[in-house]
Amino acid sequence: MTSVKKGTPQTIKKMREVGEDGFIWYKLKKGSLYGAADIDGNTIIPIKYSDVDYCCLVGDETHFFTVKKGDYEGIYSPKGRCIISPDRHFTSVWIGSEKAKSDKVLLYVWVADNNQNYGLYDIKGNEVVPLEYDYCRLADVGNILYIAIEKDGLTGALDLNGNLIVPPCTESLIYMHKDIIGISHKDKKTEVIYR
């Protein structure tokens, strides 16, 4: 048995960063790979990504890390919990927020693939809307939150669990009346109500 002596181990470069919201963290670099550490120097994102960046949505105090692994992106919480791994092969990920009637901020993860298909995940990394729409996002009408979708030029709506409540249709307008979500079809001048 022979042993091969390897070169000296690569050192870890530690760069202090401060987000727009004042969040202090350290960007770690070893060779060409990056990770992140908290203010106390504890590694929260392993040094295995082609890039790491901190993002914040000023106003609703939402902050998170984006990571890249080649062409793919992922998301980590500020405490280092992986929400969306780059191994899922999304070419774009972003955390969005929408304020509910109760003033509670709901977070969601918007994802896209290389073919410009879009979907949504909850903040724990569970799929809510599969990658099959041309567009989707959290929206509200009359202080009721829903997921707006678009497919082949048609618009519709899903509830917050990803269930279809308004099928995609031509030139529709989603509205709220009391506790009923409705849709007004401009092409047929008819109204269909969904509870």
N, C-alpha and C. Protein backbone atom coordinates (compact mmCIF):
# COMPACT_ATOMS: atom_id res chain seq x y z
N MET A 1 0.85 -1.17 0.00
CA MET A 1 0.00 0.00 0.00
C MET A 1 0.89 1.23 0.00
N THR A 2 0.57 2.18 -0.88
CA THR A 2 1.35 3.40 -0.93
C THR A 2 0.47 4.57 -0.53
N SER A 3 1.10 5.58 0.01
CA SER A 3 0.35 6.78 0.38
C SER A 3 0.85 7.95 -0.44
N VAL A 4 -0.04 8.80 -0.76
CA VAL A 4 0.31 9.98 -1.55
C VAL A 4 0.18 11.18 -0.65
N LYS A 5 1.26 11.96 -0.59
CA LYS A 5 1.23 13.16 0.25
C LYS A 5 0.54 14.27 -0.52
N LYS A 6 -0.51 14.78 0.06
CA LYS A 6 -1.26 15.86 -0.60
C LYS A 6 -0.62 17.18 -0.26
N GLY A 7 -0.94 18.19 -1.05
CA GLY A 7 -0.43 19.54 -0.80
C GLY A 7 -1.00 20.10 0.49
N THR A 8 -0.54 21.26 0.84
CA THR A 8 -1.03 21.89 2.06
C THR A 8 -2.51 22.18 1.92
N PRO A 9 -3.27 22.03 3.02
CA PRO A 9 -4.70 22.28 2.94
C PRO A 9 -4.99 23.74 2.60
N GLN A 10 -6.07 23.94 1.85
CA GLN A 10 -6.46 25.30 1.48
C GLN A 10 -7.00 26.02 2.71
N THR A 11 -6.66 27.27 2.80
CA THR A 11 -7.16 28.05 3.93
C THR A 11 -8.55 28.59 3.59
N ILE A 12 -9.29 28.86 4.64
CA ILE A 12 -10.62 29.43 4.48
C ILE A 12 -10.52 30.94 4.67
N LYS A 13 -10.94 31.66 3.65
CA LYS A 13 -10.96 33.12 3.72
C LYS A 13 -12.31 33.54 4.28
N LYS A 14 -12.30 34.45 5.23
CA LYS A 14 -13.52 34.88 5.92
C LYS A 14 -13.71 36.38 5.68
N MET A 15 -14.82 36.74 5.01
CA MET A 15 -15.09 38.15 4.68
C MET A 15 -16.35 38.62 5.40
N ARG A 16 -16.24 39.68 6.18
CA ARG A 16 -17.38 40.21 6.94
C ARG A 16 -18.32 40.94 5.99
N GLU A 17 -19.63 40.63 6.09
CA GLU A 17 -20.66 41.24 5.25
C GLU A 17 -21.76 41.79 6.15
N VAL A 18 -22.42 42.85 5.70
CA VAL A 18 -23.55 43.44 6.42
C VAL A 18 -24.68 43.66 5.42
N GLY A 19 -25.85 43.06 5.70
CA GLY A 19 -27.00 43.23 4.82
C GLY A 19 -27.62 44.61 4.98
N GLU A 20 -28.53 44.96 4.05
CA GLU A 20 -29.23 46.24 4.11
C GLU A 20 -29.99 46.44 5.41
N ASP A 21 -30.39 45.32 6.02
CA ASP A 21 -31.14 45.38 7.27
C ASP A 21 -30.24 45.32 8.51
N GLY A 22 -28.92 45.36 8.30
CA GLY A 22 -27.98 45.34 9.41
C GLY A 22 -27.53 43.95 9.84
N PHE A 23 -28.01 42.90 9.17
CA PHE A 23 -27.64 41.52 9.50
C PHE A 23 -26.16 41.31 9.18
N ILE A 24 -25.39 40.88 10.19
CA ILE A 24 -23.95 40.66 10.01
C ILE A 24 -23.69 39.17 9.84
N TRP A 25 -22.91 38.85 8.82
CA TRP A 25 -22.53 37.47 8.55
C TRP A 25 -21.16 37.45 7.88
N TYR A 26 -20.61 36.26 7.74
CA TYR A 26 -19.30 36.11 7.10
C TYR A 26 -19.43 35.23 5.88
N LYS A 27 -18.93 35.72 4.77
CA LYS A 27 -18.86 34.93 3.54
C LYS A 27 -17.56 34.13 3.62
N LEU A 28 -17.66 32.82 3.52
CA LEU A 28 -16.51 31.94 3.60
C LEU A 28 -16.10 31.49 2.21
N LYS A 29 -14.80 31.45 1.97
CA LYS A 29 -14.31 31.00 0.66
C LYS A 29 -13.15 30.04 0.87
N LYS A 30 -13.24 28.90 0.21
CA LYS A 30 -12.16 27.91 0.22
C LYS A 30 -11.96 27.48 -1.22
N GLY A 31 -10.85 27.86 -1.80
CA GLY A 31 -10.62 27.61 -3.22
C GLY A 31 -11.63 28.43 -4.02
N SER A 32 -12.44 27.76 -4.82
CA SER A 32 -13.45 28.47 -5.62
C SER A 32 -14.86 28.28 -5.06
N LEU A 33 -14.96 27.72 -3.85
CA LEU A 33 -16.28 27.44 -3.28
C LEU A 33 -16.58 28.37 -2.10
N TYR A 34 -17.90 28.62 -1.89
CA TYR A 34 -18.33 29.56 -0.87
C TYR A 34 -19.30 28.91 0.11
N GLY A 35 -19.37 29.51 1.28
CA GLY A 35 -20.32 29.15 2.32
C GLY A 35 -20.58 30.39 3.15
N ALA A 36 -21.19 30.21 4.33
CA ALA A 36 -21.49 31.36 5.19
C ALA A 36 -21.36 30.97 6.65
N ALA A 37 -21.01 31.96 7.47
CA ALA A 37 -20.94 31.78 8.93
C ALA A 37 -21.73 32.89 9.59
N ASP A 38 -22.23 32.61 10.79
CA ASP A 38 -22.96 33.64 11.54
C ASP A 38 -21.98 34.59 12.22
N ILE A 39 -22.50 35.56 12.95
CA ILE A 39 -21.67 36.58 13.59
C ILE A 39 -20.70 35.98 14.61
N ASP A 40 -21.04 34.81 15.17
CA ASP A 40 -20.15 34.14 16.13
C ASP A 40 -19.11 33.25 15.45
N GLY A 41 -19.14 33.19 14.12
CA GLY A 41 -18.17 32.38 13.39
C GLY A 41 -18.59 30.95 13.16
N ASN A 42 -19.81 30.57 13.55
CA ASN A 42 -20.31 29.21 13.31
C ASN A 42 -20.75 29.06 11.86
N THR A 43 -20.30 28.01 11.20
CA THR A 43 -20.69 27.76 9.81
C THR A 43 -22.18 27.44 9.76
N ILE A 44 -22.92 28.23 8.95
CA ILE A 44 -24.35 27.98 8.79
C ILE A 44 -24.69 27.47 7.39
N ILE A 45 -23.82 27.75 6.44
CA ILE A 45 -23.98 27.21 5.09
C ILE A 45 -22.65 26.57 4.71
N PRO A 46 -22.65 25.28 4.38
CA PRO A 46 -21.38 24.61 4.08
C PRO A 46 -20.67 25.23 2.89
N ILE A 47 -19.35 25.13 2.90
CA ILE A 47 -18.53 25.69 1.82
C ILE A 47 -18.53 24.70 0.66
N LYS A 48 -19.59 24.79 -0.16
CA LYS A 48 -19.70 23.86 -1.30
C LYS A 48 -20.43 24.47 -2.49
N TYR A 49 -20.62 25.79 -2.47
CA TYR A 49 -21.40 26.46 -3.53
C TYR A 49 -20.53 27.39 -4.35
N SER A 50 -20.96 27.63 -5.59
CA SER A 50 -20.22 28.55 -6.46
C SER A 50 -20.46 30.01 -6.09
N ASP A 51 -21.51 30.27 -5.28
CA ASP A 51 -21.73 31.62 -4.74
C ASP A 51 -22.75 31.54 -3.60
N VAL A 52 -22.66 32.49 -2.68
CA VAL A 52 -23.60 32.64 -1.57
C VAL A 52 -23.86 34.13 -1.43
N ASP A 53 -25.13 34.50 -1.27
CA ASP A 53 -25.47 35.90 -1.09
C ASP A 53 -26.60 36.04 -0.09
N TYR A 54 -26.63 37.15 0.60
CA TYR A 54 -27.68 37.43 1.58
C TYR A 54 -28.66 38.41 0.96
N CYS A 55 -29.95 38.16 1.14
CA CYS A 55 -30.99 39.01 0.56
C CYS A 55 -31.98 39.39 1.67
N CYS A 56 -32.55 40.58 1.56
CA CYS A 56 -33.58 40.97 2.52
C CYS A 56 -34.66 41.77 1.81
N LEU A 57 -35.90 41.58 2.25
CA LEU A 57 -37.03 42.35 1.77
C LEU A 57 -37.32 43.39 2.85
N VAL A 58 -36.81 44.59 2.65
CA VAL A 58 -36.97 45.63 3.65
C VAL A 58 -38.45 45.99 3.75
N GLY A 59 -38.93 46.09 4.96
CA GLY A 59 -40.33 46.43 5.18
C GLY A 59 -41.07 45.32 5.90
N ASP A 60 -40.84 44.08 5.49
CA ASP A 60 -41.49 42.99 6.22
C ASP A 60 -40.49 42.09 6.93
N GLU A 61 -39.24 42.55 7.02
CA GLU A 61 -38.19 41.87 7.78
C GLU A 61 -37.92 40.45 7.31
N THR A 62 -38.12 40.17 6.04
CA THR A 62 -37.83 38.87 5.47
C THR A 62 -36.39 38.85 5.00
N HIS A 63 -35.61 37.88 5.45
CA HIS A 63 -34.24 37.77 4.97
C HIS A 63 -33.87 36.30 4.81
N PHE A 64 -32.96 36.06 3.86
CA PHE A 64 -32.59 34.70 3.51
C PHE A 64 -31.29 34.71 2.73
N PHE A 65 -30.70 33.55 2.53
CA PHE A 65 -29.51 33.39 1.71
C PHE A 65 -29.89 32.71 0.41
N THR A 66 -29.30 33.15 -0.69
CA THR A 66 -29.39 32.41 -1.94
C THR A 66 -28.02 31.76 -2.17
N VAL A 67 -28.06 30.56 -2.70
CA VAL A 67 -26.81 29.85 -3.02
C VAL A 67 -26.87 29.42 -4.47
N LYS A 68 -25.70 29.30 -5.08
CA LYS A 68 -25.61 28.81 -6.46
C LYS A 68 -24.70 27.60 -6.49
N LYS A 69 -25.09 26.66 -7.33
CA LYS A 69 -24.26 25.48 -7.60
C LYS A 69 -24.29 25.31 -9.11
N GLY A 70 -23.30 25.88 -9.76
CA GLY A 70 -23.32 25.92 -11.23
C GLY A 70 -24.45 26.81 -11.71
N ASP A 71 -25.33 26.26 -12.54
CA ASP A 71 -26.46 27.02 -13.09
C ASP A 71 -27.69 27.02 -12.18
N TYR A 72 -27.63 26.28 -11.08
CA TYR A 72 -28.83 26.11 -10.25
C TYR A 72 -28.74 26.91 -8.95
N GLU A 73 -29.92 27.32 -8.46
CA GLU A 73 -30.00 28.14 -7.26
C GLU A 73 -30.75 27.43 -6.15
N GLY A 74 -30.48 27.86 -4.92
CA GLY A 74 -31.17 27.34 -3.75
C GLY A 74 -31.35 28.45 -2.72
N ILE A 75 -32.06 28.13 -1.64
CA ILE A 75 -32.33 29.11 -0.59
C ILE A 75 -32.10 28.49 0.78
N TYR A 76 -31.46 29.27 1.65
CA TYR A 76 -31.23 28.90 3.05
C TYR A 76 -31.85 29.96 3.95
N SER A 77 -32.26 29.55 5.13
CA SER A 77 -32.73 30.51 6.14
C SER A 77 -31.49 31.20 6.74
N PRO A 78 -31.67 32.32 7.44
CA PRO A 78 -30.53 33.00 8.07
C PRO A 78 -29.84 32.15 9.14
N LYS A 79 -30.53 31.12 9.65
CA LYS A 79 -29.92 30.25 10.66
C LYS A 79 -29.29 29.01 10.03
N GLY A 80 -29.33 28.92 8.70
CA GLY A 80 -28.65 27.82 8.03
C GLY A 80 -29.50 26.62 7.68
N ARG A 81 -30.83 26.74 7.73
CA ARG A 81 -31.69 25.62 7.33
C ARG A 81 -31.89 25.68 5.81
N CYS A 82 -31.58 24.59 5.12
CA CYS A 82 -31.77 24.54 3.67
C CYS A 82 -33.26 24.45 3.36
N ILE A 83 -33.79 25.44 2.66
CA ILE A 83 -35.20 25.46 2.28
C ILE A 83 -35.38 24.84 0.90
N ILE A 84 -34.61 25.30 -0.05
CA ILE A 84 -34.63 24.75 -1.41
C ILE A 84 -33.18 24.47 -1.80
N SER A 85 -32.88 23.21 -2.07
CA SER A 85 -31.52 22.83 -2.45
C SER A 85 -31.30 23.09 -3.94
N PRO A 86 -30.09 23.52 -4.33
CA PRO A 86 -29.80 23.66 -5.76
C PRO A 86 -29.87 22.32 -6.49
N ASP A 87 -29.84 21.23 -5.75
CA ASP A 87 -29.95 19.90 -6.36
C ASP A 87 -31.33 19.64 -6.96
N ARG A 88 -32.30 20.52 -6.67
CA ARG A 88 -33.63 20.42 -7.30
C ARG A 88 -33.62 20.98 -8.72
N HIS A 89 -32.53 21.59 -9.12
CA HIS A 89 -32.30 22.08 -10.49
C HIS A 89 -33.22 23.23 -10.89
N PHE A 90 -33.49 24.14 -9.97
CA PHE A 90 -34.20 25.37 -10.31
C PHE A 90 -33.18 26.40 -10.76
N THR A 91 -33.47 27.08 -11.87
CA THR A 91 -32.54 28.09 -12.36
C THR A 91 -32.81 29.46 -11.74
N SER A 92 -33.92 29.58 -11.03
CA SER A 92 -34.23 30.83 -10.35
C SER A 92 -35.10 30.52 -9.13
N VAL A 93 -34.74 31.09 -7.98
CA VAL A 93 -35.53 30.96 -6.76
C VAL A 93 -35.56 32.31 -6.05
N TRP A 94 -36.66 32.59 -5.38
CA TRP A 94 -36.78 33.85 -4.66
C TRP A 94 -37.88 33.72 -3.61
N ILE A 95 -37.66 34.33 -2.47
CA ILE A 95 -38.71 34.35 -1.45
C ILE A 95 -39.54 35.60 -1.65
N GLY A 96 -40.84 35.43 -1.72
CA GLY A 96 -41.77 36.55 -1.83
C GLY A 96 -42.63 36.61 -0.60
N SER A 97 -43.36 37.69 -0.45
CA SER A 97 -44.24 37.83 0.72
C SER A 97 -45.51 38.55 0.33
N GLU A 98 -46.53 38.30 1.08
CA GLU A 98 -47.83 38.98 0.89
C GLU A 98 -48.44 39.14 2.26
N LYS A 99 -49.02 40.29 2.52
CA LYS A 99 -49.61 40.55 3.83
C LYS A 99 -51.07 40.12 3.83
N ALA A 100 -51.44 39.33 4.83
CA ALA A 100 -52.81 38.85 4.97
C ALA A 100 -53.64 39.90 5.72
N LYS A 101 -54.94 39.69 5.72
CA LYS A 101 -55.87 40.59 6.40
C LYS A 101 -55.51 40.76 7.88
N SER A 102 -54.99 39.72 8.48
CA SER A 102 -54.62 39.74 9.89
C SER A 102 -53.30 40.47 10.14
N ASP A 103 -52.73 41.07 9.09
CA ASP A 103 -51.42 41.72 9.11
C ASP A 103 -50.27 40.74 9.26
N LYS A 104 -50.59 39.44 9.20
CA LYS A 104 -49.54 38.43 9.22
C LYS A 104 -48.94 38.36 7.83
N VAL A 105 -47.61 38.30 7.75
CA VAL A 105 -46.93 38.21 6.47
C VAL A 105 -46.75 36.74 6.11
N LEU A 106 -47.26 36.35 4.95
CA LEU A 106 -47.09 34.98 4.46
C LEU A 106 -45.92 34.96 3.47
N LEU A 107 -45.04 34.01 3.67
CA LEU A 107 -43.87 33.86 2.80
C LEU A 107 -44.07 32.68 1.86
N TYR A 108 -43.51 32.80 0.68
CA TYR A 108 -43.54 31.70 -0.27
C TYR A 108 -42.26 31.74 -1.08
N VAL A 109 -41.91 30.61 -1.69
CA VAL A 109 -40.72 30.52 -2.51
C VAL A 109 -41.15 30.34 -3.96
N TRP A 110 -40.80 31.30 -4.77
CA TRP A 110 -41.11 31.28 -6.20
C TRP A 110 -39.95 30.60 -6.90
N VAL A 111 -40.24 29.63 -7.76
CA VAL A 111 -39.18 28.87 -8.44
C VAL A 111 -39.43 28.81 -9.94
N ALA A 112 -38.35 28.65 -10.69
CA ALA A 112 -38.46 28.51 -12.15
C ALA A 112 -37.40 27.52 -12.62
N ASP A 113 -37.68 26.88 -13.76
CA ASP A 113 -36.69 25.99 -14.35
C ASP A 113 -36.14 26.62 -15.62
N ASN A 114 -35.29 25.90 -16.30
CA ASN A 114 -34.62 26.41 -17.49
C ASN A 114 -35.59 26.64 -18.65
N ASN A 115 -36.78 26.03 -18.62
CA ASN A 115 -37.77 26.20 -19.68
C ASN A 115 -38.80 27.29 -19.36
N GLN A 116 -38.50 28.10 -18.35
CA GLN A 116 -39.40 29.18 -17.92
C GLN A 116 -40.76 28.68 -17.44
N ASN A 117 -40.75 27.53 -16.79
CA ASN A 117 -41.93 27.04 -16.08
C ASN A 117 -41.81 27.51 -14.64
N TYR A 118 -42.91 27.95 -14.05
CA TYR A 118 -42.88 28.51 -12.70
C TYR A 118 -43.74 27.71 -11.75
N GLY A 119 -43.36 27.72 -10.48
CA GLY A 119 -44.11 27.06 -9.43
C GLY A 119 -43.88 27.77 -8.11
N LEU A 120 -44.55 27.29 -7.07
CA LEU A 120 -44.40 27.87 -5.74
C LEU A 120 -44.17 26.77 -4.71
N TYR A 121 -43.36 27.10 -3.72
CA TYR A 121 -43.10 26.23 -2.58
C TYR A 121 -43.42 27.00 -1.32
N ASP A 122 -43.77 26.30 -0.24
CA ASP A 122 -43.95 27.01 1.02
C ASP A 122 -42.58 27.26 1.64
N ILE A 123 -42.55 28.00 2.73
CA ILE A 123 -41.29 28.41 3.34
C ILE A 123 -40.53 27.24 3.97
N LYS A 124 -41.19 26.08 4.09
CA LYS A 124 -40.51 24.89 4.61
C LYS A 124 -39.91 24.05 3.49
N GLY A 125 -40.13 24.46 2.23
CA GLY A 125 -39.58 23.73 1.10
C GLY A 125 -40.50 22.69 0.51
N ASN A 126 -41.79 22.72 0.87
CA ASN A 126 -42.76 21.78 0.31
C ASN A 126 -43.41 22.37 -0.94
N GLU A 127 -43.55 21.55 -1.97
CA GLU A 127 -44.19 22.01 -3.21
C GLU A 127 -45.67 22.32 -2.97
N VAL A 128 -46.10 23.50 -3.41
CA VAL A 128 -47.51 23.89 -3.36
C VAL A 128 -48.07 23.93 -4.78
N VAL A 129 -47.32 24.52 -5.69
CA VAL A 129 -47.72 24.62 -7.10
C VAL A 129 -46.59 24.02 -7.93
N PRO A 130 -46.87 22.95 -8.70
CA PRO A 130 -45.81 22.33 -9.51
C PRO A 130 -45.34 23.25 -10.63
N LEU A 131 -44.18 22.95 -11.15
CA LEU A 131 -43.59 23.73 -12.25
C LEU A 131 -44.35 23.48 -13.55
N GLU A 132 -45.50 24.11 -13.70
CA GLU A 132 -46.27 23.88 -14.92
C GLU A 132 -46.96 25.15 -15.42
N TYR A 133 -46.67 26.28 -14.82
CA TYR A 133 -47.35 27.52 -15.21
C TYR A 133 -46.37 28.51 -15.84
N ASP A 134 -46.93 29.38 -16.70
CA ASP A 134 -46.13 30.44 -17.31
C ASP A 134 -45.86 31.55 -16.30
N TYR A 135 -46.68 31.61 -15.25
CA TYR A 135 -46.54 32.62 -14.21
C TYR A 135 -47.37 32.19 -13.02
N CYS A 136 -46.91 32.47 -11.82
CA CYS A 136 -47.71 32.27 -10.62
C CYS A 136 -47.11 33.10 -9.48
N ARG A 137 -47.98 33.57 -8.60
CA ARG A 137 -47.54 34.36 -7.45
C ARG A 137 -48.66 34.43 -6.44
N LEU A 138 -48.30 34.77 -5.21
CA LEU A 138 -49.29 35.00 -4.17
C LEU A 138 -49.92 36.36 -4.45
N ALA A 139 -51.24 36.45 -4.33
CA ALA A 139 -51.94 37.71 -4.60
C ALA A 139 -53.10 37.83 -3.62
N ASP A 140 -53.74 38.98 -3.60
CA ASP A 140 -54.92 39.12 -2.75
C ASP A 140 -56.00 39.89 -3.49
N VAL A 141 -57.20 39.60 -3.10
CA VAL A 141 -58.37 40.33 -3.60
C VAL A 141 -59.30 40.47 -2.40
N GLY A 142 -59.63 41.68 -2.06
CA GLY A 142 -60.50 41.91 -0.90
C GLY A 142 -59.94 41.34 0.38
N ASN A 143 -58.60 41.40 0.54
CA ASN A 143 -57.90 40.88 1.72
C ASN A 143 -57.98 39.36 1.85
N ILE A 144 -58.34 38.66 0.79
CA ILE A 144 -58.29 37.20 0.76
C ILE A 144 -57.11 36.81 -0.13
N LEU A 145 -56.20 36.02 0.42
CA LEU A 145 -55.02 35.61 -0.34
C LEU A 145 -55.33 34.40 -1.21
N TYR A 146 -54.74 34.38 -2.40
CA TYR A 146 -54.85 33.25 -3.31
C TYR A 146 -53.60 33.23 -4.16
N ILE A 147 -53.45 32.22 -5.01
CA ILE A 147 -52.30 32.11 -5.91
C ILE A 147 -52.80 32.40 -7.32
N ALA A 148 -52.29 33.49 -7.90
CA ALA A 148 -52.63 33.85 -9.28
C ALA A 148 -51.77 33.00 -10.22
N ILE A 149 -52.40 32.43 -11.25
CA ILE A 149 -51.68 31.60 -12.21
C ILE A 149 -51.96 32.07 -13.63
N GLU A 150 -51.03 31.76 -14.51
CA GLU A 150 -51.22 32.04 -15.93
C GLU A 150 -50.65 30.87 -16.72
N LYS A 151 -51.41 30.43 -17.71
CA LYS A 151 -50.98 29.32 -18.58
C LYS A 151 -51.49 29.56 -19.99
N ASP A 152 -50.59 29.64 -20.94
CA ASP A 152 -50.94 29.85 -22.35
C ASP A 152 -51.83 31.07 -22.54
N GLY A 153 -51.55 32.15 -21.82
CA GLY A 153 -52.31 33.39 -21.96
C GLY A 153 -53.62 33.41 -21.19
N LEU A 154 -53.95 32.35 -20.48
CA LEU A 154 -55.18 32.27 -19.70
C LEU A 154 -54.84 32.49 -18.23
N THR A 155 -55.72 33.16 -17.49
CA THR A 155 -55.48 33.43 -16.07
C THR A 155 -56.48 32.68 -15.21
N GLY A 156 -56.03 32.34 -14.01
CA GLY A 156 -56.89 31.63 -13.06
C GLY A 156 -56.36 31.79 -11.66
N ALA A 157 -56.88 30.98 -10.73
CA ALA A 157 -56.47 31.10 -9.33
C ALA A 157 -56.48 29.75 -8.63
N LEU A 158 -55.57 29.60 -7.69
CA LEU A 158 -55.48 28.44 -6.81
C LEU A 158 -55.63 28.93 -5.38
N ASP A 159 -56.11 28.05 -4.48
CA ASP A 159 -56.10 28.44 -3.07
C ASP A 159 -54.68 28.28 -2.53
N LEU A 160 -54.44 28.61 -1.28
CA LEU A 160 -53.10 28.59 -0.71
C LEU A 160 -52.52 27.19 -0.56
N ASN A 161 -53.35 26.16 -0.76
CA ASN A 161 -52.86 24.78 -0.74
C ASN A 161 -52.59 24.25 -2.14
N GLY A 162 -52.78 25.10 -3.16
CA GLY A 162 -52.53 24.70 -4.54
C GLY A 162 -53.72 24.06 -5.23
N ASN A 163 -54.91 24.11 -4.61
CA ASN A 163 -56.11 23.55 -5.23
C ASN A 163 -56.73 24.57 -6.18
N LEU A 164 -57.19 24.12 -7.32
CA LEU A 164 -57.78 24.99 -8.33
C LEU A 164 -59.11 25.56 -7.85
N ILE A 165 -59.24 26.90 -7.85
CA ILE A 165 -60.52 27.51 -7.50
C ILE A 165 -61.10 28.29 -8.68
N VAL A 166 -60.24 28.80 -9.57
CA VAL A 166 -60.70 29.46 -10.79
C VAL A 166 -59.88 28.89 -11.94
N PRO A 167 -60.50 28.06 -12.80
CA PRO A 167 -59.74 27.48 -13.92
C PRO A 167 -59.22 28.58 -14.84
N PRO A 168 -58.04 28.37 -15.45
CA PRO A 168 -57.53 29.37 -16.39
C PRO A 168 -58.54 29.63 -17.51
N CYS A 169 -58.82 30.90 -17.76
CA CYS A 169 -59.78 31.28 -18.79
C CYS A 169 -59.35 32.60 -19.44
N THR A 170 -59.98 32.96 -20.53
CA THR A 170 -59.62 34.14 -21.30
C THR A 170 -60.08 35.42 -20.63
N GLU A 171 -59.19 36.39 -20.57
CA GLU A 171 -59.50 37.75 -20.11
C GLU A 171 -60.47 37.77 -18.94
N SER A 172 -60.05 37.19 -17.85
CA SER A 172 -60.91 37.13 -16.68
C SER A 172 -60.45 38.15 -15.64
N LEU A 173 -61.37 38.51 -14.78
CA LEU A 173 -61.09 39.42 -13.69
C LEU A 173 -61.53 38.74 -12.40
N ILE A 174 -60.59 38.50 -11.50
CA ILE A 174 -60.91 37.87 -10.22
C ILE A 174 -61.30 38.96 -9.24
N TYR A 175 -62.39 38.76 -8.52
CA TYR A 175 -62.86 39.77 -7.59
C TYR A 175 -63.34 39.13 -6.30
N MET A 176 -63.56 39.97 -5.31
CA MET A 176 -64.03 39.51 -4.02
C MET A 176 -65.33 40.21 -3.69
N HIS A 177 -66.31 39.44 -3.23
CA HIS A 177 -67.59 39.99 -2.78
C HIS A 177 -67.98 39.25 -1.51
N LYS A 178 -67.99 39.96 -0.38
CA LYS A 178 -68.21 39.35 0.94
C LYS A 178 -67.18 38.24 1.12
N ASP A 179 -67.59 36.99 1.34
CA ASP A 179 -66.64 35.88 1.51
C ASP A 179 -66.58 34.98 0.29
N ILE A 180 -66.90 35.52 -0.86
CA ILE A 180 -66.94 34.73 -2.10
C ILE A 180 -65.90 35.29 -3.07
N ILE A 181 -65.08 34.40 -3.62
CA ILE A 181 -64.19 34.81 -4.70
C ILE A 181 -64.91 34.51 -5.99
N GLY A 182 -64.97 35.50 -6.85
CA GLY A 182 -65.68 35.32 -8.11
C GLY A 182 -64.79 35.63 -9.28
N ILE A 183 -65.28 35.33 -10.45
CA ILE A 183 -64.55 35.64 -11.68
C ILE A 183 -65.52 36.18 -12.70
N SER A 184 -65.15 37.26 -13.31
CA SER A 184 -65.97 37.88 -14.34
C SER A 184 -65.27 37.67 -15.67
N HIS A 185 -65.94 36.98 -16.57
CA HIS A 185 -65.37 36.69 -17.89
C HIS A 185 -65.69 37.84 -18.83
N LYS A 186 -64.66 38.53 -19.29
CA LYS A 186 -64.87 39.67 -20.19
C LYS A 186 -65.33 39.23 -21.58
N ASP A 187 -64.89 38.05 -22.01
CA ASP A 187 -65.24 37.61 -23.36
C ASP A 187 -66.69 37.17 -23.48
N LYS A 188 -67.26 36.61 -22.40
CA LYS A 188 -68.64 36.12 -22.46
C LYS A 188 -69.59 37.02 -21.69
N LYS A 189 -69.04 37.99 -20.96
CA LYS A 189 -69.83 38.89 -20.12
C LYS A 189 -70.71 38.12 -19.15
N THR A 190 -70.18 37.01 -18.65
CA THR A 190 -70.91 36.23 -17.66
C THR A 190 -70.09 36.21 -16.38
N GLU A 191 -70.72 35.80 -15.32
CA GLU A 191 -70.06 35.78 -14.03
C GLU A 191 -70.18 34.40 -13.43
N VAL A 192 -69.08 33.87 -12.96
CA VAL A 192 -69.08 32.57 -12.31
C VAL A 192 -68.55 32.79 -10.90
N ILE A 193 -69.21 32.23 -9.92
CA ILE A 193 -68.84 32.43 -8.52
C ILE A 193 -68.23 31.15 -7.95
N TYR A 194 -67.16 31.31 -7.21
CA TYR A 194 -66.50 30.20 -6.52
C TYR A 194 -66.47 30.51 -5.04
N ARG A 195 -66.88 29.57 -4.21
CA ARG A 195 -66.85 29.76 -2.75
C ARG A 195 -65.59 29.16 -2.18
